Amino acid sequence: MSSERQVKRRINTAQNIAKITKAMEMVAASKMKRAQDQAIAARPYSRALYDSIVTVAQVSGVSDHPLLSVHTIGFPVMCVIGTDKGLCGALNTNLAKTLLTWRNEHRDGQVVAVGKKAVLLARNLGMTVHAQFTDLPDHLTFKDILPVVTLILNGFKEQHFRSVEVLYTDFINTLSQRPKQAILLPLTQALQATLTKEKQVTLPPKPYVFEPGAKQILEYLLPFYLENTLFHAFLEAKASEHSARMVAMKNASDNAAELVDELRLIYNKTRQQSITSELLDIVSATMALN
């Protein structure tokens, strides 16, 4: 009898877990759609802004901008965009693997952690957390990431940071997300890395005339390009987080349903054995009386 009660208790527990994971799956699915649309819609704008930066930088030949300069003073920084909550599969674990590789290459590097899980990852790897930002809203705006951008810009301009990279989860589709590492500063290395990867540089066929001037244009575009690049990384990370959580919760709900079916089978077999044993006792007693 105690065995039947234990199995029944486990069935109730599994059913309650399935209800919770199903509710979390539905919540993640509702957030995922908007996050995916926001991330996908930002891609053409980011690409057009990048093309504008490349065109102005190549044609004007301006190389003395503070964000384009390469210096050896300071320490390298990795901006890790993680999640505030767990239950999103291997998303944060994959970020930790990439961050571990970067730490081995930059022993003096520090971390700007975005999200509670990113802070935990950096501390578990024994890295110095230079700054941390948590509890960002699901629907991001430029205002939400402005403190992160300001910290990175001021740190690089004042030569506290030697270089800045960003690590986030790139959204591919609902079932696939992968960690992506990109150079933010200096922008010279960032642009060269992207051009080398693409191996396609289309120079303008005619000379440009800049008003008020190429340097003034870059003075405005370069910080905005950095802000937009970081903002797009945040959007990709949010879309990946909600997609990974929805898939993880769906798998958890399916596993809980399978466990309930298995436990019910065990419960029925145990109950059948108990009934059979009781019938045998009754028959044996009746035959003894007769």
C-alpha atoms as a PDB file:
ATOM      1  CA  MET A   1       0.000   0.000   0.000  1.00  0.00           C
ATOM      2  CA  SER A   2       2.850   2.363   0.843  1.00  0.00           C
ATOM      3  CA  SER A   3       4.341   1.714  -2.594  1.00  0.00           C
ATOM      4  CA  GLU A   4       1.066   2.685  -4.271  1.00  0.00           C
ATOM      5  CA  ARG A   5       0.942   5.887  -2.255  1.00  0.00           C
ATOM      6  CA  GLN A   6       4.502   6.759  -3.222  1.00  0.00           C
ATOM      7  CA  VAL A   7       3.804   6.202  -6.915  1.00  0.00           C
ATOM      8  CA  LYS A   8       0.586   8.220  -6.673  1.00  0.00           C
ATOM      9  CA  ARG A   9       2.501  11.041  -4.990  1.00  0.00           C
ATOM     10  CA  ARG A  10       5.113  11.005  -7.746  1.00  0.00           C
ATOM     11  CA  ILE A  11       2.372  11.137 -10.387  1.00  0.00           C
ATOM     12  CA  ASN A  12       0.836  14.207  -8.757  1.00  0.00           C
ATOM     13  CA  THR A  13       4.261  15.849  -8.531  1.00  0.00           C
ATOM     14  CA  ALA A  14       5.026  15.198 -12.196  1.00  0.00           C
ATOM     15  CA  GLN A  15       1.622  16.548 -13.234  1.00  0.00           C
ATOM     16  CA  ASN A  16       2.178  19.744 -11.237  1.00  0.00           C
ATOM     17  CA  ILE A  17       5.611  20.199 -12.825  1.00  0.00           C
ATOM     18  CA  ALA A  18       4.078  19.695 -16.272  1.00  0.00           C
ATOM     19  CA  LYS A  19       1.514  22.429 -15.568  1.00  0.00           C
ATOM     20  CA  ILE A  20       4.235  24.857 -14.493  1.00  0.00           C
ATOM     21  CA  THR A  21       6.507  24.155 -17.473  1.00  0.00           C
ATOM     22  CA  LYS A  22       3.560  24.406 -19.865  1.00  0.00           C
ATOM     23  CA  ALA A  23       2.661  27.821 -18.482  1.00  0.00           C
ATOM     24  CA  MET A  24       6.293  28.961 -18.761  1.00  0.00           C
ATOM     25  CA  GLU A  25       6.394  27.666 -22.340  1.00  0.00           C
ATOM     26  CA  MET A  26       3.345  29.746 -23.271  1.00  0.00           C
ATOM     27  CA  VAL A  27       4.797  32.863 -21.620  1.00  0.00           C
ATOM     28  CA  ALA A  28       8.118  32.403 -23.423  1.00  0.00           C
ATOM     29  CA  ALA A  29       6.310  31.843 -26.736  1.00  0.00           C
ATOM     30  CA  SER A  30       4.385  35.115 -26.364  1.00  0.00           C
ATOM     31  CA  LYS A  31       7.602  37.041 -25.628  1.00  0.00           C
ATOM     32  CA  MET A  32       9.587  35.177 -28.289  1.00  0.00           C
ATOM     33  CA  LYS A  33       7.525  36.383 -31.240  1.00  0.00           C
ATOM     34  CA  ARG A  34       7.981  40.066 -30.451  1.00  0.00           C
ATOM     35  CA  ALA A  35      11.677  39.632 -29.653  1.00  0.00           C
ATOM     36  CA  GLN A  36      12.283  37.762 -32.909  1.00  0.00           C
ATOM     37  CA  ASP A  37      10.468  40.388 -34.960  1.00  0.00           C
ATOM     38  CA  GLN A  38      12.433  43.169 -33.264  1.00  0.00           C
ATOM     39  CA  ALA A  39      15.788  41.448 -33.874  1.00  0.00           C
ATOM     40  CA  ILE A  40      15.057  40.597 -37.521  1.00  0.00           C
ATOM     41  CA  ALA A  41      13.706  44.083 -38.258  1.00  0.00           C
ATOM     42  CA  ALA A  42      16.912  45.686 -36.923  1.00  0.00           C
ATOM     43  CA  ARG A  43      19.241  43.726 -39.211  1.00  0.00           C
ATOM     44  CA  PRO A  44      18.778  45.770 -42.448  1.00  0.00           C
ATOM     45  CA  TYR A  45      19.293  49.045 -40.580  1.00  0.00           C
ATOM     46  CA  SER A  46      22.465  47.749 -38.912  1.00  0.00           C
ATOM     47  CA  ARG A  47      23.777  46.592 -42.267  1.00  0.00           C
ATOM     48  CA  ALA A  48      23.044  49.933 -43.955  1.00  0.00           C
ATOM     49  CA  LEU A  49      24.727  51.839 -41.130  1.00  0.00           C
ATOM     50  CA  TYR A  50      27.772  49.606 -41.387  1.00  0.00           C
ATOM     51  CA  ASP A  51      28.007  50.219 -45.155  1.00  0.00           C
ATOM     52  CA  SER A  52      27.830  53.975 -44.552  1.00  0.00           C
ATOM     53  CA  ILE A  53      30.629  53.825 -41.984  1.00  0.00           C
ATOM     54  CA  VAL A  54      32.842  51.796 -44.331  1.00  0.00           C
ATOM     55  CA  THR A  55      32.212  54.172 -47.237  1.00  0.00           C
ATOM     56  CA  VAL A  56      32.956  57.337 -45.276  1.00  0.00           C
ATOM     57  CA  ALA A  57      36.029  55.836 -43.587  1.00  0.00           C
ATOM     58  CA  GLN A  58      37.517  54.547 -46.841  1.00  0.00           C
ATOM     59  CA  VAL A  59      36.844  57.623 -48.951  1.00  0.00           C
ATOM     60  CA  SER A  60      37.785  60.227 -46.373  1.00  0.00           C
ATOM     61  CA  GLY A  61      40.884  58.479 -45.068  1.00  0.00           C
ATOM     62  CA  VAL A  62      40.184  59.762 -41.559  1.00  0.00           C
ATOM     63  CA  SER A  63      42.132  57.642 -39.057  1.00  0.00           C
ATOM     64  CA  ASP A  64      42.771  59.963 -36.112  1.00  0.00           C
ATOM     65  CA  HIS A  65      39.372  59.543 -34.482  1.00  0.00           C
ATOM     66  CA  PRO A  66      39.618  58.318 -30.846  1.00  0.00           C
ATOM     67  CA  LEU A  67      37.414  55.299 -31.579  1.00  0.00           C
ATOM     68  CA  LEU A  68      39.618  54.320 -34.540  1.00  0.00           C
ATOM     69  CA  SER A  69      42.915  54.600 -32.678  1.00  0.00           C
ATOM     70  CA  VAL A  70      44.765  51.528 -31.464  1.00  0.00           C
ATOM     71  CA  HIS A  71      46.575  51.860 -28.125  1.00  0.00           C
ATOM     72  CA  THR A  72      48.352  49.455 -25.814  1.00  0.00           C
ATOM     73  CA  ILE A  73      47.349  51.081 -22.536  1.00  0.00           C
ATOM     74  CA  GLY A  74      44.694  49.511 -20.330  1.00  0.00           C
ATOM     75  CA  PHE A  75      43.193  46.039 -20.212  1.00  0.00           C
ATOM     76  CA  PRO A  76      40.965  44.108 -22.622  1.00  0.00           C
ATOM     77  CA  VAL A  77      37.258  43.946 -21.832  1.00  0.00           C
ATOM     78  CA  MET A  78      34.617  41.420 -22.808  1.00  0.00           C
ATOM     79  CA  CYS A  79      30.980  42.515 -22.656  1.00  0.00           C
ATOM     80  CA  VAL A  80      29.011  39.333 -21.967  1.00  0.00           C
ATOM     81  CA  ILE A  81      25.260  39.470 -22.616  1.00  0.00           C
ATOM     82  CA  GLY A  82      23.656  36.659 -20.647  1.00  0.00           C
ATOM     83  CA  THR A  83      20.253  36.188 -19.057  1.00  0.00           C
ATOM     84  CA  ASP A  84      18.746  37.177 -15.724  1.00  0.00           C
ATOM     85  CA  LYS A  85      16.860  33.896 -15.371  1.00  0.00           C
ATOM     86  CA  GLY A  86      17.701  30.278 -15.999  1.00  0.00           C
ATOM     87  CA  LEU A  87      15.664  27.444 -17.536  1.00  0.00           C
ATOM     88  CA  CYS A  88      16.808  28.304 -21.060  1.00  0.00           C
ATOM     89  CA  GLY A  89      18.699  25.162 -22.011  1.00  0.00           C
ATOM     90  CA  ALA A  90      22.411  25.329 -22.759  1.00  0.00           C
ATOM     91  CA  LEU A  91      22.372  29.005 -23.756  1.00  0.00           C
ATOM     92  CA  ASN A  92      24.452  30.309 -20.838  1.00  0.00           C
ATOM     93  CA  THR A  93      26.648  27.199 -20.808  1.00  0.00           C
ATOM     94  CA  ASN A  94      27.666  27.837 -24.417  1.00  0.00           C
ATOM     95  CA  LEU A  95      28.518  31.426 -23.525  1.00  0.00           C
ATOM     96  CA  ALA A  96      30.676  30.146 -20.659  1.00  0.00           C
ATOM     97  CA  LYS A  97      32.678  27.924 -23.014  1.00  0.00           C
ATOM     98  CA  THR A  98      33.461  30.841 -25.345  1.00  0.00           C
ATOM     99  CA  LEU A  99      34.242  33.114 -22.401  1.00  0.00           C
ATOM    100  CA  LEU A 100      36.654  30.501 -21.017  1.00  0.00           C
ATOM    101  CA  THR A 101      38.547  30.458 -24.323  1.00  0.00           C
ATOM    102  CA  TRP A 102      38.780  34.259 -24.292  1.00  0.00           C
ATOM    103  CA  ARG A 103      40.012  34.259 -20.695  1.00  0.00           C
ATOM    104  CA  ASN A 104      42.815  31.857 -21.582  1.00  0.00           C
ATOM    105  CA  GLU A 105      43.918  34.242 -24.339  1.00  0.00           C
ATOM    106  CA  HIS A 106      43.567  37.415 -22.214  1.00  0.00           C
ATOM    107  CA  ARG A 107      44.802  36.734 -18.703  1.00  0.00           C
ATOM    108  CA  ASP A 108      44.447  40.389 -17.704  1.00  0.00           C
ATOM    109  CA  GLY A 109      40.980  40.735 -19.210  1.00  0.00           C
ATOM    110  CA  GLN A 110      37.918  41.915 -17.319  1.00  0.00           C
ATOM    111  CA  VAL A 111      34.204  41.438 -17.888  1.00  0.00           C
ATOM    112  CA  VAL A 112      31.278  43.802 -18.284  1.00  0.00           C
ATOM    113  CA  ALA A 113      28.464  41.417 -17.382  1.00  0.00           C
ATOM    114  CA  VAL A 114      24.884  41.955 -18.541  1.00  0.00           C
ATOM    115  CA  GLY A 115      22.446  39.661 -16.765  1.00  0.00           C
ATOM    116  CA  LYS A 116      22.676  37.799 -13.466  1.00  0.00           C
ATOM    117  CA  LYS A 117      23.796  34.591 -15.168  1.00  0.00           C
ATOM    118  CA  ALA A 118      26.629  36.434 -16.927  1.00  0.00           C
ATOM    119  CA  VAL A 119      27.823  37.764 -13.568  1.00  0.00           C
ATOM    120  CA  LEU A 120      27.732  34.237 -12.157  1.00  0.00           C
ATOM    121  CA  LEU A 121      29.623  32.838 -15.145  1.00  0.00           C
ATOM    122  CA  ALA A 122      32.414  35.393 -14.846  1.00  0.00           C
ATOM    123  CA  ARG A 123      32.833  34.801 -11.116  1.00  0.00           C
ATOM    124  CA  ASN A 124      32.831  31.016 -11.521  1.00  0.00           C
ATOM    125  CA  LEU A 125      35.630  31.371 -14.068  1.00  0.00           C
ATOM    126  CA  GLY A 126      37.613  33.516 -11.646  1.00  0.00           C
ATOM    127  CA  MET A 127      37.382  36.666 -13.779  1.00  0.00           C
ATOM    128  CA  THR A 128      37.157  40.259 -12.585  1.00  0.00           C
ATOM    129  CA  VAL A 129      33.728  41.820 -13.125  1.00  0.00           C
ATOM    130  CA  HIS A 130      34.426  45.444 -14.031  1.00  0.00           C
ATOM    131  CA  ALA A 131      30.721  46.348 -14.125  1.00  0.00           C
ATOM    132  CA  GLN A 132      27.393  44.539 -14.112  1.00  0.00           C
ATOM    133  CA  PHE A 133      23.927  45.379 -15.438  1.00  0.00           C
ATOM    134  CA  THR A 134      20.890  43.304 -14.497  1.00  0.00           C
ATOM    135  CA  ASP A 135      17.098  43.290 -14.717  1.00  0.00           C
ATOM    136  CA  LEU A 136      16.848  44.809 -18.196  1.00  0.00           C
ATOM    137  CA  PRO A 137      13.309  44.833 -19.669  1.00  0.00           C
ATOM    138  CA  ASP A 138      12.188  42.319 -22.285  1.00  0.00           C
ATOM    139  CA  HIS A 139      11.231  45.086 -24.711  1.00  0.00           C
ATOM    140  CA  LEU A 140      14.550  46.912 -25.095  1.00  0.00           C
ATOM    141  CA  THR A 141      15.062  50.500 -26.206  1.00  0.00           C
ATOM    142  CA  PHE A 142      18.218  52.535 -26.796  1.00  0.00           C
ATOM    143  CA  LYS A 143      17.679  54.188 -23.418  1.00  0.00           C
ATOM    144  CA  ASP A 144      18.006  50.834 -21.652  1.00  0.00           C
ATOM    145  CA  ILE A 145      21.494  50.114 -22.998  1.00  0.00           C
ATOM    146  CA  LEU A 146      22.778  53.702 -22.774  1.00  0.00           C
ATOM    147  CA  PRO A 147      24.640  53.095 -19.464  1.00  0.00           C
ATOM    148  CA  VAL A 148      26.509  50.165 -21.042  1.00  0.00           C
ATOM    149  CA  VAL A 149      27.442  52.199 -24.131  1.00  0.00           C
ATOM    150  CA  THR A 150      28.557  55.170 -22.019  1.00  0.00           C
ATOM    151  CA  LEU A 151      30.768  52.947 -19.863  1.00  0.00           C
ATOM    152  CA  ILE A 152      32.429  51.372 -22.912  1.00  0.00           C
ATOM    153  CA  LEU A 153      32.936  54.671 -24.774  1.00  0.00           C
ATOM    154  CA  ASN A 154      34.377  56.537 -21.797  1.00  0.00           C
ATOM    155  CA  GLY A 155      36.570  53.607 -20.781  1.00  0.00           C
ATOM    156  CA  PHE A 156      38.089  53.335 -24.260  1.00  0.00           C
ATOM    157  CA  LYS A 157      38.507  57.071 -24.811  1.00  0.00           C
ATOM    158  CA  GLU A 158      40.213  57.478 -21.438  1.00  0.00           C
ATOM    159  CA  GLN A 159      42.407  54.467 -22.318  1.00  0.00           C
ATOM    160  CA  HIS A 160      41.254  52.369 -19.388  1.00  0.00           C
ATOM    161  CA  PHE A 161      40.223  49.718 -21.925  1.00  0.00           C
ATOM    162  CA  ARG A 162      42.724  48.494 -24.490  1.00  0.00           C
ATOM    163  CA  SER A 163      40.054  46.728 -26.520  1.00  0.00           C
ATOM    164  CA  VAL A 164      36.381  45.845 -26.156  1.00  0.00           C
ATOM    165  CA  GLU A 165      34.613  42.767 -27.475  1.00  0.00           C
ATOM    166  CA  VAL A 166      31.038  41.584 -27.109  1.00  0.00           C
ATOM    167  CA  LEU A 167      29.833  38.026 -26.519  1.00  0.00           C
ATOM    168  CA  TYR A 168      26.171  37.213 -27.038  1.00  0.00           C
ATOM    169  CA  THR A 169      23.908  34.508 -28.428  1.00  0.00           C
ATOM    170  CA  ASP A 170      23.104  35.021 -32.098  1.00  0.00           C
ATOM    171  CA  PHE A 171      19.537  34.148 -33.098  1.00  0.00           C
ATOM    172  CA  ILE A 172      19.383  31.846 -36.129  1.00  0.00           C
ATOM    173  CA  ASN A 173      15.924  30.354 -35.781  1.00  0.00           C
ATOM    174  CA  THR A 174      13.608  29.120 -33.047  1.00  0.00           C
ATOM    175  CA  LEU A 175      15.490  25.854 -32.634  1.00  0.00           C
ATOM    176  CA  SER A 176      19.029  27.117 -33.194  1.00  0.00           C
ATOM    177  CA  GLN A 177      21.063  29.759 -31.369  1.00  0.00           C
ATOM    178  CA  ARG A 178      24.834  30.000 -31.142  1.00  0.00           C
ATOM    179  CA  PRO A 179      27.311  32.165 -29.223  1.00  0.00           C
ATOM    180  CA  LYS A 180      28.875  34.951 -31.257  1.00  0.00           C
ATOM    181  CA  GLN A 181      31.955  36.991 -30.437  1.00  0.00           C
ATOM    182  CA  ALA A 182      32.598  40.332 -32.135  1.00  0.00           C
ATOM    183  CA  ILE A 183      35.085  43.203 -31.781  1.00  0.00           C
ATOM    184  CA  LEU A 184      33.574  46.524 -30.713  1.00  0.00           C
ATOM    185  CA  LEU A 185      36.622  48.727 -30.148  1.00  0.00           C
ATOM    186  CA  PRO A 186      38.875  49.865 -31.639  1.00  0.00           C
ATOM    187  CA  LEU A 187      36.579  50.283 -34.615  1.00  0.00           C
ATOM    188  CA  THR A 188      39.499  49.947 -37.012  1.00  0.00           C
ATOM    189  CA  GLN A 189      39.959  46.322 -35.989  1.00  0.00           C
ATOM    190  CA  ALA A 190      36.208  45.745 -35.942  1.00  0.00           C
ATOM    191  CA  LEU A 191      35.769  46.988 -39.517  1.00  0.00           C
ATOM    192  CA  GLN A 192      38.836  45.120 -40.753  1.00  0.00           C
ATOM    193  CA  ALA A 193      37.646  41.889 -39.155  1.00  0.00           C
ATOM    194  CA  THR A 194      34.256  42.169 -40.841  1.00  0.00           C
ATOM    195  CA  LEU A 195      35.750  43.093 -44.217  1.00  0.00           C
ATOM    196  CA  THR A 196      38.205  40.192 -44.043  1.00  0.00           C
ATOM    197  CA  LYS A 197      35.367  37.820 -43.202  1.00  0.00           C
ATOM    198  CA  GLU A 198      33.190  39.024 -46.066  1.00  0.00           C
ATOM    199  CA  LYS A 199      36.068  39.532 -48.541  1.00  0.00           C
ATOM    200  CA  GLN A 200      33.956  42.044 -50.439  1.00  0.00           C
ATOM    201  CA  VAL A 201      34.695  45.766 -50.489  1.00  0.00           C
ATOM    202  CA  THR A 202      32.755  47.922 -52.913  1.00  0.00           C
ATOM    203  CA  LEU A 203      34.348  51.338 -53.267  1.00  0.00           C
ATOM    204  CA  PRO A 204      32.186  54.173 -54.596  1.00  0.00           C
ATOM    205  CA  PRO A 205      32.673  54.774 -58.322  1.00  0.00           C
ATOM    206  CA  LYS A 206      32.764  58.579 -57.894  1.00  0.00           C
ATOM    207  CA  PRO A 207      34.374  60.824 -55.265  1.00  0.00           C
ATOM    208  CA  TYR A 208      32.154  62.115 -52.504  1.00  0.00           C
ATOM    209  CA  VAL A 209      31.872  65.652 -51.227  1.00  0.00           C
ATOM    210  CA  PHE A 210      31.144  65.711 -47.500  1.00  0.00           C
ATOM    211  CA  GLU A 211      29.296  68.508 -45.763  1.00  0.00           C
ATOM    212  CA  PRO A 212      30.250  69.749 -43.240  1.00  0.00           C
ATOM    213  CA  GLY A 213      33.180  67.318 -43.503  1.00  0.00           C
ATOM    214  CA  ALA A 214      34.135  63.663 -43.251  1.00  0.00           C
ATOM    215  CA  LYS A 215      35.634  64.083 -39.790  1.00  0.00           C
ATOM    216  CA  GLN A 216      32.495  65.755 -38.442  1.00  0.00           C
ATOM    217  CA  ILE A 217      30.326  63.043 -39.977  1.00  0.00           C
ATOM    218  CA  LEU A 218      32.435  60.295 -38.428  1.00  0.00           C
ATOM    219  CA  GLU A 219      32.380  62.180 -35.120  1.00  0.00           C
ATOM    220  CA  TYR A 220      28.623  61.584 -35.069  1.00  0.00           C
ATOM    221  CA  LEU A 221      28.366  58.248 -36.888  1.00  0.00           C
ATOM    222  CA  LEU A 222      31.024  56.253 -35.032  1.00  0.00           C
ATOM    223  CA  PRO A 223      29.483  56.512 -31.523  1.00  0.00           C
ATOM    224  CA  PHE A 224      26.063  55.907 -33.032  1.00  0.00           C
ATOM    225  CA  TYR A 225      27.401  52.886 -34.916  1.00  0.00           C
ATOM    226  CA  LEU A 226      28.802  51.466 -31.682  1.00  0.00           C
ATOM    227  CA  GLU A 227      25.505  52.081 -29.891  1.00  0.00           C
ATOM    228  CA  ASN A 228      23.518  50.478 -32.707  1.00  0.00           C
ATOM    229  CA  THR A 229      25.870  47.471 -32.911  1.00  0.00           C
ATOM    230  CA  LEU A 230      25.554  46.852 -29.195  1.00  0.00           C
ATOM    231  CA  PHE A 231      21.798  47.385 -29.299  1.00  0.00           C
ATOM    232  CA  HIS A 232      21.466  44.831 -32.086  1.00  0.00           C
ATOM    233  CA  ALA A 233      23.519  42.353 -30.027  1.00  0.00           C
ATOM    234  CA  PHE A 234      21.070  42.846 -27.154  1.00  0.00           C
ATOM    235  CA  LEU A 235      18.113  42.211 -29.471  1.00  0.00           C
ATOM    236  CA  GLU A 236      19.671  39.023 -30.813  1.00  0.00           C
ATOM    237  CA  ALA A 237      20.390  37.856 -27.265  1.00  0.00           C
ATOM    238  CA  LYS A 238      16.798  38.504 -26.135  1.00  0.00           C
ATOM    239  CA  ALA A 239      15.330  36.648 -29.122  1.00  0.00           C
ATOM    240  CA  SER A 240      17.688  33.732 -28.460  1.00  0.00           C
ATOM    241  CA  GLU A 241      16.821  33.671 -24.760  1.00  0.00           C
ATOM    242  CA  HIS A 242      13.055  33.470 -25.261  1.00  0.00           C
ATOM    243  CA  SER A 243      13.406  30.918 -28.074  1.00  0.00           C
ATOM    244  CA  ALA A 244      15.723  28.710 -26.015  1.00  0.00           C
ATOM    245  CA  ARG A 245      13.450  28.954 -22.971  1.00  0.00           C
ATOM    246  CA  MET A 246      10.356  28.055 -24.973  1.00  0.00           C
ATOM    247  CA  VAL A 247      12.076  24.984 -26.459  1.00  0.00           C
ATOM    248  CA  ALA A 248      13.464  23.961 -23.058  1.00  0.00           C
ATOM    249  CA  MET A 249      10.076  24.265 -21.374  1.00  0.00           C
ATOM    250  CA  LYS A 250       8.385  22.337 -24.185  1.00  0.00           C
ATOM    251  CA  ASN A 251      10.903  19.521 -23.767  1.00  0.00           C
ATOM    252  CA  ALA A 252      10.351  19.589 -20.014  1.00  0.00           C
ATOM    253  CA  SER A 253       6.575  19.383 -20.465  1.00  0.00           C
ATOM    254  CA  ASP A 254       6.928  16.463 -22.877  1.00  0.00           C
ATOM    255  CA  ASN A 255       9.292  14.645 -20.520  1.00  0.00           C
ATOM    256  CA  ALA A 256       6.926  15.193 -17.594  1.00  0.00           C
ATOM    257  CA  ALA A 257       4.026  13.791 -19.624  1.00  0.00           C
ATOM    258  CA  GLU A 258       6.084  10.714 -20.512  1.00  0.00           C
ATOM    259  CA  LEU A 259       7.033  10.272 -16.857  1.00  0.00           C
ATOM    260  CA  VAL A 260       3.370  10.460 -15.822  1.00  0.00           C
ATOM    261  CA  ASP A 261       2.487   7.736 -18.326  1.00  0.00           C
ATOM    262  CA  GLU A 262       5.280   5.498 -17.031  1.00  0.00           C
ATOM    263  CA  LEU A 263       4.300   6.076 -13.415  1.00  0.00           C
ATOM    264  CA  ARG A 264       0.660   5.312 -14.173  1.00  0.00           C
ATOM    265  CA  LEU A 265       1.705   2.022 -15.726  1.00  0.00           C
ATOM    266  CA  ILE A 266       3.749   1.200 -12.642  1.00  0.00           C
ATOM    267  CA  TYR A 267       0.844   2.246 -10.410  1.00  0.00           C
ATOM    268  CA  ASN A 268      -1.621   0.047 -12.296  1.00  0.00           C
ATOM    269  CA  LYS A 269       0.728  -2.948 -12.147  1.00  0.00           C
ATOM    270  CA  THR A 270       1.291  -2.436  -8.425  1.00  0.00           C
ATOM    271  CA  ARG A 271      -2.426  -2.115  -7.784  1.00  0.00           C
ATOM    272  CA  GLN A 272      -3.155  -5.208  -9.873  1.00  0.00           C
ATOM    273  CA  GLN A 273      -0.614  -7.212  -7.878  1.00  0.00           C
ATOM    274  CA  SER A 274      -2.167  -5.984  -4.637  1.00  0.00           C
ATOM    275  CA  ILE A 275      -5.674  -6.965  -5.750  1.00  0.00           C
ATOM    276  CA  THR A 276      -4.458 -10.356  -6.950  1.00  0.00           C
ATOM    277  CA  SER A 277      -2.748 -10.983  -3.619  1.00  0.00           C
ATOM    278  CA  GLU A 278      -5.915 -10.071  -1.708  1.00  0.00           C
ATOM    279  CA  LEU A 279      -8.003 -12.404  -3.892  1.00  0.00           C
ATOM    280  CA  LEU A 280      -5.556 -15.231  -3.288  1.00  0.00           C
ATOM    281  CA  ASP A 281      -5.822 -14.665   0.454  1.00  0.00           C
ATOM    282  CA  ILE A 282      -9.643 -14.739   0.287  1.00  0.00           C
ATOM    283  CA  VAL A 283      -9.663 -17.901  -1.823  1.00  0.00           C
ATOM    284  CA  SER A 284      -7.128 -19.589   0.446  1.00  0.00           C
ATOM    285  CA  ALA A 285      -9.176 -18.712   3.541  1.00  0.00           C
ATOM    286  CA  THR A 286     -12.413 -19.937   1.947  1.00  0.00           C
ATOM    287  CA  MET A 287     -10.832 -23.263   0.938  1.00  0.00           C
ATOM    288  CA  ALA A 288      -9.460 -23.673   4.478  1.00  0.00           C
ATOM    289  CA  LEU A 289     -12.916 -23.141   6.021  1.00  0.00           C
ATOM    290  CA  ASN A 290     -14.533 -25.620   3.638  1.00  0.00           C
END
